Amino acid sequence: MTDPEPRTATVRRSTKETSVEVTVDLDGSGVTEISTGLPFFDHMVSQLGRHSGFDLSVVARGDLEVDAHHTVEDVGIALGEALARALGDKAGIRRFASIALPLDEALVDVAVDLSGRPFLAYGIEFAADTTPLGDPPFDPQLGEEFWRAFATSAALTLHIGVRSGKNTHHVLEASFKGVARSLRDAVRREGERIPSTKGTL
C-alpha cells in the first residue's frame, strides 16, 4: 500500500485592497504562523489551526485604514480555497462532523459537511453597539463575513449557532474552536472511497 499524497496547498490572493498568502497542511500538528495586522483576528485564526491539527500559515496585508472588512473576508476566501485544494478529490474522508463546544459561559454548536455545496447558516448575533475587540479593532460582526467567505470558497456546508454566551470574546472563540474541531474530524481519512453515492464531492 502506497503512502497517501500530502494534503497541502498554498494560495495567494492579491487585490487593490489586500494581499493574502495562505499555506495549509491538513495532516500537520497544529503549528500556526498568523499575521493579518489584526491581533484579535490573528488569535482566532490561530485557534482554527491549532485545534484542527492543521499546520497553518497566513500572512495578510490590507487597507486597515479603511476598515478590517476587506482583510477578514479575503483571508476567508484564501483559506477556504486552500482547504479545497488540499482536500483534492476527498477520497476516504469522513466528510461530516459536529460538536457542541463550551468556553466558560459560552456554548456554540457547529456542524460541517464537506459537501461541495457552499452554504452558511450563522446563528450568532451581536448588538450593533457591541464593542470591537483588539487594536486595530475587530468588529464582532465580521465573524459572519469570515465564515461566509470561507464556506463559499471551500465549497462546504457550515452551521454555527450559539446556545448560550454573554462574553463576546468567548462566543467568537468558541465558534472558531468548534469549526476547527469539526474540520479535524471531517477531513480524517477513514478509507479510500469518496463518501458520496454520486461518486464525487
Protein backbone atom coordinates (compact mmCIF):
# COMPACT_ATOMS: atom_id res chain seq x y z
CA MET A 1 0.00 0.00 0.00
CA THR A 2 1.47 3.34 -1.04
CA ASP A 3 1.62 6.31 1.25
CA PRO A 4 -1.22 8.81 0.68
CA GLU A 5 -0.50 12.03 -1.18
CA PRO A 6 0.34 15.00 1.06
CA ARG A 7 -2.71 17.17 1.66
CA THR A 8 -1.14 20.59 1.40
CA ALA A 9 -1.86 23.76 -0.56
CA THR A 10 -0.70 27.36 -0.90
CA VAL A 11 -2.99 30.13 -2.15
CA ARG A 12 -2.00 33.69 -2.97
CA ARG A 13 -4.67 36.33 -3.45
CA SER A 14 -3.95 39.95 -4.43
CA THR A 15 -6.45 42.75 -5.00
CA LYS A 16 -6.30 46.54 -4.84
CA GLU A 17 -7.38 46.21 -1.21
CA THR A 18 -5.42 43.24 0.15
CA SER A 19 -2.56 40.82 -0.35
CA VAL A 20 -3.01 37.39 1.25
CA GLU A 21 -0.90 34.22 1.28
CA VAL A 22 -2.16 31.05 2.98
CA THR A 23 -0.45 27.68 3.32
CA VAL A 24 -2.20 24.70 4.91
CA ASP A 25 -1.17 21.13 5.72
CA LEU A 26 -4.19 19.07 6.74
CA ASP A 27 -2.02 16.38 8.30
CA GLY A 28 0.14 18.68 10.38
CA SER A 29 0.36 19.12 14.14
CA GLY A 30 -1.39 22.44 14.71
CA VAL A 31 1.60 24.73 14.15
CA THR A 32 0.42 28.23 13.20
CA GLU A 33 2.01 31.46 12.00
CA ILE A 34 -0.65 34.14 11.59
CA SER A 35 -0.12 37.80 10.72
CA THR A 36 -3.01 39.90 9.42
CA GLY A 37 -2.48 43.25 11.16
CA LEU A 38 -5.50 42.50 13.38
CA PRO A 39 -4.33 40.97 16.68
CA PHE A 40 -7.73 39.63 17.73
CA PHE A 41 -8.30 38.07 14.30
CA ASP A 42 -4.81 36.57 14.44
CA HIS A 43 -5.81 34.96 17.74
CA MET A 44 -8.97 33.49 16.21
CA VAL A 45 -7.27 32.11 13.10
CA SER A 46 -4.55 30.63 15.31
CA GLN A 47 -7.29 28.78 17.20
CA LEU A 48 -8.56 27.43 13.89
CA GLY A 49 -5.16 25.96 13.02
CA ARG A 50 -4.25 24.74 16.49
CA HIS A 51 -7.48 22.89 17.24
CA SER A 52 -7.95 21.45 13.75
CA GLY A 53 -4.45 19.99 13.87
CA PHE A 54 -3.64 21.75 10.59
CA ASP A 55 -0.29 23.43 10.08
CA LEU A 56 -1.41 26.88 9.01
CA SER A 57 0.42 29.97 7.79
CA VAL A 58 -1.47 33.18 6.99
CA VAL A 59 0.15 36.46 6.00
CA ALA A 60 -2.19 39.29 5.02
CA ARG A 61 -1.74 42.98 4.37
CA GLY A 62 -4.86 45.05 3.81
CA ASP A 63 -6.35 48.52 3.87
CA LEU A 64 -6.95 48.58 7.62
CA GLU A 65 -7.02 52.37 7.47
CA VAL A 66 -10.39 51.93 5.74
CA ASP A 67 -11.62 49.09 7.98
CA ALA A 68 -10.97 45.41 8.67
CA HIS A 69 -13.66 44.00 6.39
CA HIS A 70 -11.56 43.51 3.25
CA THR A 71 -8.75 41.78 5.14
CA VAL A 72 -11.04 39.44 7.07
CA GLU A 73 -13.11 38.49 4.02
CA ASP A 74 -10.09 37.89 1.77
CA VAL A 75 -8.37 35.73 4.38
CA GLY A 76 -11.57 33.67 4.49
CA ILE A 77 -11.59 33.33 0.71
CA ALA A 78 -7.94 32.31 0.51
CA LEU A 79 -8.18 29.90 3.45
CA GLY A 80 -11.27 28.24 2.01
CA GLU A 81 -9.62 27.83 -1.37
CA ALA A 82 -6.51 26.35 0.26
CA LEU A 83 -8.65 23.82 2.17
CA ALA A 84 -10.46 22.80 -1.02
CA ARG A 85 -7.20 22.33 -2.91
CA ALA A 86 -5.59 20.36 -0.09
CA LEU A 87 -8.58 18.00 0.10
CA GLY A 88 -8.30 17.11 -3.59
CA ASP A 89 -11.00 14.62 -4.62
CA LYS A 90 -11.83 13.94 -0.92
CA ALA A 91 -11.39 10.19 -1.27
CA GLY A 92 -11.58 8.42 2.08
CA ILE A 93 -12.54 11.40 4.25
CA ARG A 94 -15.21 11.22 6.95
CA ARG A 95 -16.97 14.23 5.35
CA PHE A 96 -19.41 15.03 8.20
CA ALA A 97 -18.66 16.24 11.73
CA SER A 98 -20.27 18.25 14.51
CA ILE A 99 -19.58 19.41 18.04
CA ALA A 100 -21.05 21.41 20.90
CA LEU A 101 -18.08 23.38 22.19
CA PRO A 102 -18.03 25.22 25.54
CA LEU A 103 -15.84 28.11 26.58
CA ASP A 104 -16.77 29.21 30.08
CA GLU A 105 -20.33 30.59 29.87
CA ALA A 106 -20.43 30.29 26.06
CA LEU A 107 -21.68 27.16 24.29
CA VAL A 108 -21.56 27.03 20.49
CA ASP A 109 -22.89 24.33 18.15
CA VAL A 110 -21.03 23.63 14.90
CA ALA A 111 -21.79 21.14 12.11
CA VAL A 112 -19.86 20.76 8.86
CA ASP A 113 -20.35 18.78 5.65
CA LEU A 114 -17.53 18.79 3.10
CA SER A 115 -20.25 18.52 0.51
CA GLY A 116 -19.01 20.54 -2.45
CA ARG A 117 -22.07 22.76 -1.91
CA PRO A 118 -21.34 26.13 -0.29
CA PHE A 119 -23.79 27.15 2.42
CA LEU A 120 -23.54 29.02 5.71
CA ALA A 121 -26.16 29.11 8.46
CA TYR A 122 -24.89 31.55 11.07
CA GLY A 123 -26.93 31.94 14.23
CA ILE A 124 -24.70 34.24 16.27
CA GLU A 125 -25.91 37.82 16.63
CA PHE A 126 -24.27 40.76 18.33
CA ALA A 127 -25.85 44.11 19.10
CA ALA A 128 -24.85 46.89 16.70
CA ASP A 129 -23.13 48.75 19.54
CA THR A 130 -21.05 45.75 20.71
CA THR A 131 -17.53 46.94 21.49
CA PRO A 132 -14.92 45.90 18.88
CA LEU A 133 -12.05 43.71 20.03
CA GLY A 134 -8.35 44.49 19.76
CA ASP A 135 -6.38 47.33 18.20
CA PRO A 136 -6.83 47.87 15.28
CA PRO A 137 -10.43 46.99 16.11
CA PHE A 138 -12.14 43.76 15.04
CA ASP A 139 -15.91 44.22 14.73
CA PRO A 140 -17.59 41.04 16.07
CA GLN A 141 -19.99 41.16 13.10
CA LEU A 142 -17.01 40.28 10.89
CA GLY A 143 -17.09 36.72 12.23
CA GLU A 144 -20.05 36.01 9.96
CA GLU A 145 -18.31 37.62 6.96
CA PHE A 146 -15.24 35.44 7.52
CA TRP A 147 -17.21 32.21 7.72
CA ARG A 148 -19.34 33.07 4.71
CA ALA A 149 -16.24 33.73 2.60
CA PHE A 150 -14.59 30.56 3.92
CA ALA A 151 -17.60 28.29 3.36
CA THR A 152 -18.21 29.65 -0.14
CA SER A 153 -14.60 29.34 -1.23
CA ALA A 154 -14.13 25.89 0.34
CA ALA A 155 -17.48 24.71 -1.08
CA LEU A 156 -18.66 23.27 2.21
CA THR A 157 -21.82 23.42 4.29
CA LEU A 158 -21.32 25.06 7.68
CA HIS A 159 -23.79 25.61 10.51
CA ILE A 160 -22.79 27.71 13.52
CA GLY A 161 -25.18 28.55 16.33
CA VAL A 162 -24.94 29.72 19.92
CA ARG A 163 -26.84 28.14 22.79
CA SER A 164 -25.54 30.48 25.47
CA GLY A 165 -22.92 33.16 25.97
CA LYS A 166 -22.50 36.71 27.23
CA ASN A 167 -18.84 37.46 26.63
CA THR A 168 -18.19 38.47 23.01
CA HIS A 169 -14.65 37.10 23.02
CA HIS A 170 -15.78 33.76 24.43
CA VAL A 171 -18.59 33.34 21.88
CA LEU A 172 -16.35 34.12 18.92
CA GLU A 173 -13.50 31.96 20.19
CA ALA A 174 -15.85 29.04 20.83
CA SER A 175 -17.10 29.32 17.24
CA PHE A 176 -13.57 29.19 15.81
CA LYS A 177 -12.60 26.28 18.05
CA GLY A 178 -15.82 24.47 17.21
CA VAL A 179 -15.23 24.78 13.47
CA ALA A 180 -11.63 23.68 13.98
CA ARG A 181 -12.59 20.52 15.85
CA SER A 182 -15.30 19.71 13.34
CA LEU A 183 -12.90 20.12 10.43
CA ARG A 184 -10.36 17.95 12.25
CA ASP A 185 -12.91 15.12 12.28
CA ALA A 186 -14.40 15.76 8.83
CA VAL A 187 -11.08 15.64 6.94
CA ARG A 188 -9.93 12.47 8.72
CA ARG A 189 -9.25 9.58 6.37
CA GLU A 190 -11.38 6.50 7.04
CA GLY A 191 -10.91 4.55 3.82
CA GLU A 192 -10.35 5.06 0.13
CA ARG A 193 -13.76 5.75 -1.37
CA ILE A 194 -15.34 9.15 -1.99
CA PRO A 195 -18.10 9.43 0.65
CA SER A 196 -21.00 10.09 -1.68
CA THR A 197 -23.41 7.91 -3.67
CA LYS A 198 -22.78 10.27 -6.60
CA GLY A 199 -19.13 9.25 -6.65
CA THR A 200 -17.93 12.84 -6.42
CA LEU A 201 -17.96 15.74 -3.97
